[in-house]
Amino acid sequence: MRAKRGVRAGLGLLLTLTLSLTTSSTARGTGTGAAPPTEPSPTTDASPTPTIARNWPVGTRPLALRAWEPPPTPYARGHRGVDLAAAPGAPVRAVAAGRVHFAGRVAGRGVVSVELSGTGTPPLRTTYEPVTAAVEKGAEVTAGEVVGAVEIGAGHCTTTCVHWGLLRGDTYLDPLTLLPPWLLHRGPSRLLPVLGVPLPT
């Protein structure tokens, strides 16, 4: 009788130890049936870009000569912005309110960069080039305020253009995502048919 009790007690202890080890291993992600450990994913900006732009950088509806083409890797070739057709000397405007992060020359081109207000940490930053700056670093600008003028012959387009970029930290984003639909897809006005009024033939 004592032998049977001893065996039962031993089996109970063994079962308790097994369950304890299994629970501990599963909590650490190494037990049977647990999801395999994964490599940490690179930090990305999962939040959508806020549509805070109130105007285009140049003109009212400029022609996009080249779209944003994100590179497959940080150092690969791509197009880290949008090229907008613009006349030489045309005013370049801040698309949203912010603070001038940089105003000067980089590799022979005039560049203006604006940190956009209320866009998180790190803040979104727009860039405009080639631009002769009309503002200084640290200046507060409002949406639509002139930050410079289009430079002649300093761009990478076949015609005069402004390269408009958008970054969060070191990550390039599509600047067109800043534009609300009413500004991005504005087209000619169309009259809708009125009930009872025949359409012209």
C-alpha atoms as a PDB file:
ATOM      1  CA  MET A   1       0.000   0.000   0.000  1.00  0.00           C
ATOM      2  CA  ARG A   2       2.829   2.347   0.947  1.00  0.00           C
ATOM      3  CA  ALA A   3       4.587   1.469  -2.316  1.00  0.00           C
ATOM      4  CA  LYS A   4       1.498   2.453  -4.326  1.00  0.00           C
ATOM      5  CA  ARG A   5       1.212   5.752  -2.465  1.00  0.00           C
ATOM      6  CA  GLY A   6       4.905   6.408  -3.117  1.00  0.00           C
ATOM      7  CA  VAL A   7       4.490   5.738  -6.827  1.00  0.00           C
ATOM      8  CA  ARG A   8       1.424   8.026  -6.999  1.00  0.00           C
ATOM      9  CA  ALA A   9       3.251  10.794  -5.149  1.00  0.00           C
ATOM     10  CA  GLY A  10       6.235  10.425  -7.460  1.00  0.00           C
ATOM     11  CA  LEU A  11       4.039  10.558 -10.562  1.00  0.00           C
ATOM     12  CA  GLY A  12       2.234  13.643  -9.212  1.00  0.00           C
ATOM     13  CA  LEU A  13       5.543  15.399  -8.581  1.00  0.00           C
ATOM     14  CA  LEU A  14       6.825  14.470 -12.045  1.00  0.00           C
ATOM     15  CA  LEU A  15       3.605  15.779 -13.658  1.00  0.00           C
ATOM     16  CA  THR A  16       3.848  19.067 -11.720  1.00  0.00           C
ATOM     17  CA  LEU A  17       7.497  19.545 -12.743  1.00  0.00           C
ATOM     18  CA  THR A  18       6.697  18.778 -16.402  1.00  0.00           C
ATOM     19  CA  LEU A  19       3.823  21.273 -16.495  1.00  0.00           C
ATOM     20  CA  SER A  20       5.953  23.899 -14.786  1.00  0.00           C
ATOM     21  CA  LEU A  21       8.817  23.508 -17.266  1.00  0.00           C
ATOM     22  CA  THR A  22       6.454  23.521 -20.256  1.00  0.00           C
ATOM     23  CA  THR A  23       4.712  26.706 -19.074  1.00  0.00           C
ATOM     24  CA  SER A  24       8.039  28.417 -18.448  1.00  0.00           C
ATOM     25  CA  SER A  25       9.437  27.456 -21.856  1.00  0.00           C
ATOM     26  CA  THR A  26       6.293  28.536 -23.656  1.00  0.00           C
ATOM     27  CA  ALA A  27       6.382  31.926 -21.937  1.00  0.00           C
ATOM     28  CA  ARG A  28       9.939  32.382 -23.205  1.00  0.00           C
ATOM     29  CA  GLY A  29       8.916  31.321 -26.715  1.00  0.00           C
ATOM     30  CA  THR A  30      11.013  28.117 -26.766  1.00  0.00           C
ATOM     31  CA  GLY A  31       8.536  25.413 -25.745  1.00  0.00           C
ATOM     32  CA  THR A  32       6.648  22.936 -27.888  1.00  0.00           C
ATOM     33  CA  GLY A  33       3.991  24.642 -29.971  1.00  0.00           C
ATOM     34  CA  ALA A  34       5.328  28.136 -29.245  1.00  0.00           C
ATOM     35  CA  ALA A  35       5.950  30.579 -32.048  1.00  0.00           C
ATOM     36  CA  PRO A  36       9.613  30.483 -33.072  1.00  0.00           C
ATOM     37  CA  PRO A  37      11.679  33.473 -31.996  1.00  0.00           C
ATOM     38  CA  THR A  38      11.919  36.125 -34.697  1.00  0.00           C
ATOM     39  CA  GLU A  39      14.554  38.667 -35.558  1.00  0.00           C
ATOM     40  CA  PRO A  40      13.633  42.196 -34.491  1.00  0.00           C
ATOM     41  CA  SER A  41      12.059  44.011 -37.386  1.00  0.00           C
ATOM     42  CA  PRO A  42      13.577  47.303 -38.503  1.00  0.00           C
ATOM     43  CA  THR A  43      11.873  50.368 -37.074  1.00  0.00           C
ATOM     44  CA  THR A  44       9.419  51.791 -39.565  1.00  0.00           C
ATOM     45  CA  ASP A  45       6.968  54.652 -39.497  1.00  0.00           C
ATOM     46  CA  ALA A  46       3.683  52.769 -39.368  1.00  0.00           C
ATOM     47  CA  SER A  47       1.575  55.870 -38.891  1.00  0.00           C
ATOM     48  CA  PRO A  48       0.087  57.322 -42.067  1.00  0.00           C
ATOM     49  CA  THR A  49       1.322  60.656 -43.327  1.00  0.00           C
ATOM     50  CA  PRO A  50      -1.132  63.376 -42.253  1.00  0.00           C
ATOM     51  CA  THR A  51      -2.767  65.247 -45.131  1.00  0.00           C
ATOM     52  CA  ILE A  52      -1.794  68.669 -43.815  1.00  0.00           C
ATOM     53  CA  ALA A  53      -0.641  70.406 -47.005  1.00  0.00           C
ATOM     54  CA  ARG A  54      -2.685  73.477 -47.931  1.00  0.00           C
ATOM     55  CA  ASN A  55      -1.076  74.199 -51.287  1.00  0.00           C
ATOM     56  CA  TRP A  56       1.400  72.863 -53.825  1.00  0.00           C
ATOM     57  CA  PRO A  57       5.030  73.999 -53.518  1.00  0.00           C
ATOM     58  CA  VAL A  58       4.815  75.645 -56.954  1.00  0.00           C
ATOM     59  CA  GLY A  59       1.819  76.799 -58.985  1.00  0.00           C
ATOM     60  CA  THR A  60      -1.746  75.661 -58.410  1.00  0.00           C
ATOM     61  CA  ARG A  61      -1.621  72.249 -60.102  1.00  0.00           C
ATOM     62  CA  PRO A  62       1.916  71.673 -61.439  1.00  0.00           C
ATOM     63  CA  LEU A  63       2.821  68.907 -63.855  1.00  0.00           C
ATOM     64  CA  ALA A  64       4.650  66.046 -62.126  1.00  0.00           C
ATOM     65  CA  LEU A  65       7.627  65.292 -64.351  1.00  0.00           C
ATOM     66  CA  ARG A  66       8.769  62.311 -62.290  1.00  0.00           C
ATOM     67  CA  ALA A  67       7.001  60.476 -59.486  1.00  0.00           C
ATOM     68  CA  TRP A  68       8.343  59.179 -56.197  1.00  0.00           C
ATOM     69  CA  GLU A  69      10.123  55.843 -56.689  1.00  0.00           C
ATOM     70  CA  PRO A  70      11.172  54.362 -53.334  1.00  0.00           C
ATOM     71  CA  PRO A  71      14.463  52.450 -53.511  1.00  0.00           C
ATOM     72  CA  PRO A  72      14.322  48.757 -52.505  1.00  0.00           C
ATOM     73  CA  THR A  73      17.087  49.352 -49.939  1.00  0.00           C
ATOM     74  CA  PRO A  74      18.317  52.544 -48.235  1.00  0.00           C
ATOM     75  CA  TYR A  75      21.374  52.787 -50.511  1.00  0.00           C
ATOM     76  CA  ALA A  76      19.829  51.610 -53.784  1.00  0.00           C
ATOM     77  CA  ARG A  77      18.871  53.813 -56.687  1.00  0.00           C
ATOM     78  CA  GLY A  78      15.444  55.381 -56.717  1.00  0.00           C
ATOM     79  CA  HIS A  79      13.745  58.756 -56.807  1.00  0.00           C
ATOM     80  CA  ARG A  80      13.327  60.101 -53.308  1.00  0.00           C
ATOM     81  CA  GLY A  81      10.783  62.796 -54.104  1.00  0.00           C
ATOM     82  CA  VAL A  82       8.604  64.258 -56.845  1.00  0.00           C
ATOM     83  CA  ASP A  83       9.791  66.553 -59.643  1.00  0.00           C
ATOM     84  CA  LEU A  84       7.339  69.359 -60.355  1.00  0.00           C
ATOM     85  CA  ALA A  85       7.543  71.515 -63.485  1.00  0.00           C
ATOM     86  CA  ALA A  86       8.103  75.162 -62.621  1.00  0.00           C
ATOM     87  CA  ALA A  87       9.151  78.362 -64.366  1.00  0.00           C
ATOM     88  CA  PRO A  88      12.585  79.804 -63.546  1.00  0.00           C
ATOM     89  CA  GLY A  89      12.309  82.267 -60.686  1.00  0.00           C
ATOM     90  CA  ALA A  90       8.816  81.059 -59.705  1.00  0.00           C
ATOM     91  CA  PRO A  91       8.018  81.327 -55.984  1.00  0.00           C
ATOM     92  CA  VAL A  92       8.372  78.151 -53.935  1.00  0.00           C
ATOM     93  CA  ARG A  93       5.975  77.947 -50.998  1.00  0.00           C
ATOM     94  CA  ALA A  94       5.866  75.930 -47.792  1.00  0.00           C
ATOM     95  CA  VAL A  95       3.096  73.353 -48.130  1.00  0.00           C
ATOM     96  CA  ALA A  96       2.310  73.446 -44.395  1.00  0.00           C
ATOM     97  CA  ALA A  97       3.286  75.391 -41.292  1.00  0.00           C
ATOM     98  CA  GLY A  98       6.617  74.657 -39.658  1.00  0.00           C
ATOM     99  CA  ARG A  99      10.134  75.805 -38.877  1.00  0.00           C
ATOM    100  CA  VAL A 100      12.979  76.134 -41.385  1.00  0.00           C
ATOM    101  CA  HIS A 101      15.384  73.281 -40.672  1.00  0.00           C
ATOM    102  CA  PHE A 102      17.940  74.190 -43.355  1.00  0.00           C
ATOM    103  CA  ALA A 103      18.412  76.957 -45.916  1.00  0.00           C
ATOM    104  CA  GLY A 104      21.605  76.917 -47.930  1.00  0.00           C
ATOM    105  CA  ARG A 105      23.543  75.085 -50.617  1.00  0.00           C
ATOM    106  CA  VAL A 106      24.251  71.375 -50.942  1.00  0.00           C
ATOM    107  CA  ALA A 107      26.461  70.126 -53.789  1.00  0.00           C
ATOM    108  CA  GLY A 108      25.985  73.416 -55.647  1.00  0.00           C
ATOM    109  CA  ARG A 109      22.191  73.449 -55.331  1.00  0.00           C
ATOM    110  CA  GLY A 110      20.062  75.690 -53.178  1.00  0.00           C
ATOM    111  CA  VAL A 111      18.014  73.681 -50.692  1.00  0.00           C
ATOM    112  CA  VAL A 112      15.295  74.675 -48.237  1.00  0.00           C
ATOM    113  CA  SER A 113      14.011  72.182 -45.669  1.00  0.00           C
ATOM    114  CA  VAL A 114      11.040  72.757 -43.335  1.00  0.00           C
ATOM    115  CA  GLU A 115      10.117  70.712 -40.251  1.00  0.00           C
ATOM    116  CA  LEU A 116       6.327  70.470 -40.217  1.00  0.00           C
ATOM    117  CA  SER A 117       4.564  71.397 -36.982  1.00  0.00           C
ATOM    118  CA  GLY A 118       2.610  68.783 -35.031  1.00  0.00           C
ATOM    119  CA  THR A 119       3.793  65.767 -37.019  1.00  0.00           C
ATOM    120  CA  GLY A 120       5.328  63.675 -34.246  1.00  0.00           C
ATOM    121  CA  THR A 121       8.853  62.690 -33.266  1.00  0.00           C
ATOM    122  CA  PRO A 122      10.898  62.871 -35.340  1.00  0.00           C
ATOM    123  CA  PRO A 123       8.833  65.460 -37.215  1.00  0.00           C
ATOM    124  CA  LEU A 124       8.094  65.230 -40.909  1.00  0.00           C
ATOM    125  CA  ARG A 125      10.452  67.367 -42.984  1.00  0.00           C
ATOM    126  CA  THR A 126       9.840  68.696 -46.494  1.00  0.00           C
ATOM    127  CA  THR A 127      12.678  69.634 -48.843  1.00  0.00           C
ATOM    128  CA  TYR A 128      12.679  71.861 -51.912  1.00  0.00           C
ATOM    129  CA  GLU A 129      15.505  72.116 -54.459  1.00  0.00           C
ATOM    130  CA  PRO A 130      17.002  73.787 -56.457  1.00  0.00           C
ATOM    131  CA  VAL A 131      15.783  76.878 -54.658  1.00  0.00           C
ATOM    132  CA  THR A 132      17.312  80.247 -53.867  1.00  0.00           C
ATOM    133  CA  ALA A 133      16.302  80.602 -50.219  1.00  0.00           C
ATOM    134  CA  ALA A 134      14.205  83.542 -49.059  1.00  0.00           C
ATOM    135  CA  VAL A 135      14.191  82.360 -45.435  1.00  0.00           C
ATOM    136  CA  GLU A 136      16.794  81.543 -42.801  1.00  0.00           C
ATOM    137  CA  LYS A 137      17.268  78.525 -40.570  1.00  0.00           C
ATOM    138  CA  GLY A 138      14.991  78.675 -37.526  1.00  0.00           C
ATOM    139  CA  ALA A 139      12.368  80.923 -39.123  1.00  0.00           C
ATOM    140  CA  GLU A 140       8.713  80.017 -38.545  1.00  0.00           C
ATOM    141  CA  VAL A 141       6.715  79.724 -41.773  1.00  0.00           C
ATOM    142  CA  THR A 142       3.023  79.344 -42.500  1.00  0.00           C
ATOM    143  CA  ALA A 143       1.346  77.265 -45.197  1.00  0.00           C
ATOM    144  CA  GLY A 144       1.673  79.076 -48.510  1.00  0.00           C
ATOM    145  CA  GLU A 145       4.499  81.333 -47.356  1.00  0.00           C
ATOM    146  CA  VAL A 146       7.273  81.855 -49.926  1.00  0.00           C
ATOM    147  CA  VAL A 147      10.477  80.116 -48.839  1.00  0.00           C
ATOM    148  CA  GLY A 148      12.463  80.721 -52.021  1.00  0.00           C
ATOM    149  CA  ALA A 149      12.521  80.933 -55.805  1.00  0.00           C
ATOM    150  CA  VAL A 150      13.202  78.276 -58.428  1.00  0.00           C
ATOM    151  CA  GLU A 151      16.859  78.326 -59.519  1.00  0.00           C
ATOM    152  CA  ILE A 152      17.789  78.165 -63.162  1.00  0.00           C
ATOM    153  CA  GLY A 153      19.902  75.345 -64.544  1.00  0.00           C
ATOM    154  CA  ALA A 154      20.688  73.659 -61.233  1.00  0.00           C
ATOM    155  CA  GLY A 155      18.150  70.839 -61.332  1.00  0.00           C
ATOM    156  CA  HIS A 156      18.293  67.293 -62.643  1.00  0.00           C
ATOM    157  CA  CYS A 157      15.251  67.590 -64.928  1.00  0.00           C
ATOM    158  CA  THR A 158      15.367  68.159 -68.668  1.00  0.00           C
ATOM    159  CA  THR A 159      13.367  71.336 -68.006  1.00  0.00           C
ATOM    160  CA  THR A 160      13.197  73.646 -65.003  1.00  0.00           C
ATOM    161  CA  CYS A 161      11.695  71.855 -62.034  1.00  0.00           C
ATOM    162  CA  VAL A 162      11.502  71.669 -58.260  1.00  0.00           C
ATOM    163  CA  HIS A 163      12.405  68.431 -56.529  1.00  0.00           C
ATOM    164  CA  TRP A 164       9.989  68.125 -53.592  1.00  0.00           C
ATOM    165  CA  GLY A 165      10.920  65.612 -50.912  1.00  0.00           C
ATOM    166  CA  LEU A 166       9.504  64.348 -47.622  1.00  0.00           C
ATOM    167  CA  LEU A 167      11.325  62.612 -44.787  1.00  0.00           C
ATOM    168  CA  ARG A 168      10.719  61.354 -41.289  1.00  0.00           C
ATOM    169  CA  GLY A 169      14.135  61.005 -39.708  1.00  0.00           C
ATOM    170  CA  ASP A 170      16.235  59.331 -42.415  1.00  0.00           C
ATOM    171  CA  THR A 171      13.281  57.626 -44.098  1.00  0.00           C
ATOM    172  CA  TYR A 172      12.063  59.092 -47.378  1.00  0.00           C
ATOM    173  CA  LEU A 173       8.313  59.184 -47.973  1.00  0.00           C
ATOM    174  CA  ASP A 174       6.041  60.180 -50.851  1.00  0.00           C
ATOM    175  CA  PRO A 175       5.404  63.948 -50.532  1.00  0.00           C
ATOM    176  CA  LEU A 176       2.130  63.658 -52.459  1.00  0.00           C
ATOM    177  CA  THR A 177       0.648  61.900 -49.410  1.00  0.00           C
ATOM    178  CA  LEU A 178       0.659  65.295 -47.671  1.00  0.00           C
ATOM    179  CA  LEU A 179      -1.921  66.603 -50.140  1.00  0.00           C
ATOM    180  CA  PRO A 180      -5.623  66.177 -49.359  1.00  0.00           C
ATOM    181  CA  PRO A 181      -7.762  64.671 -52.157  1.00  0.00           C
ATOM    182  CA  TRP A 182      -9.397  67.992 -53.025  1.00  0.00           C
ATOM    183  CA  LEU A 183      -5.969  69.468 -53.749  1.00  0.00           C
ATOM    184  CA  LEU A 184      -4.403  66.385 -55.293  1.00  0.00           C
ATOM    185  CA  HIS A 185      -7.189  65.469 -57.698  1.00  0.00           C
ATOM    186  CA  ARG A 186      -8.687  68.824 -58.501  1.00  0.00           C
ATOM    187  CA  GLY A 187     -10.144  68.748 -61.992  1.00  0.00           C
ATOM    188  CA  PRO A 188     -12.443  70.868 -64.140  1.00  0.00           C
ATOM    189  CA  SER A 189     -15.855  71.662 -62.672  1.00  0.00           C
ATOM    190  CA  ARG A 190     -18.758  69.659 -64.080  1.00  0.00           C
ATOM    191  CA  LEU A 191     -22.433  70.561 -63.915  1.00  0.00           C
ATOM    192  CA  LEU A 192     -24.621  67.721 -62.691  1.00  0.00           C
ATOM    193  CA  PRO A 193     -27.947  67.060 -64.439  1.00  0.00           C
ATOM    194  CA  VAL A 194     -30.980  68.633 -62.767  1.00  0.00           C
ATOM    195  CA  LEU A 195     -34.115  66.538 -62.434  1.00  0.00           C
ATOM    196  CA  GLY A 196     -36.594  67.478 -65.161  1.00  0.00           C
ATOM    197  CA  VAL A 197     -34.106  69.534 -67.184  1.00  0.00           C
ATOM    198  CA  PRO A 198     -33.013  67.821 -70.434  1.00  0.00           C
ATOM    199  CA  LEU A 199     -29.313  67.532 -71.131  1.00  0.00           C
ATOM    200  CA  PRO A 200     -28.008  69.456 -74.171  1.00  0.00           C
ATOM    201  CA  THR A 201     -27.533  67.380 -77.294  1.00  0.00           C
END
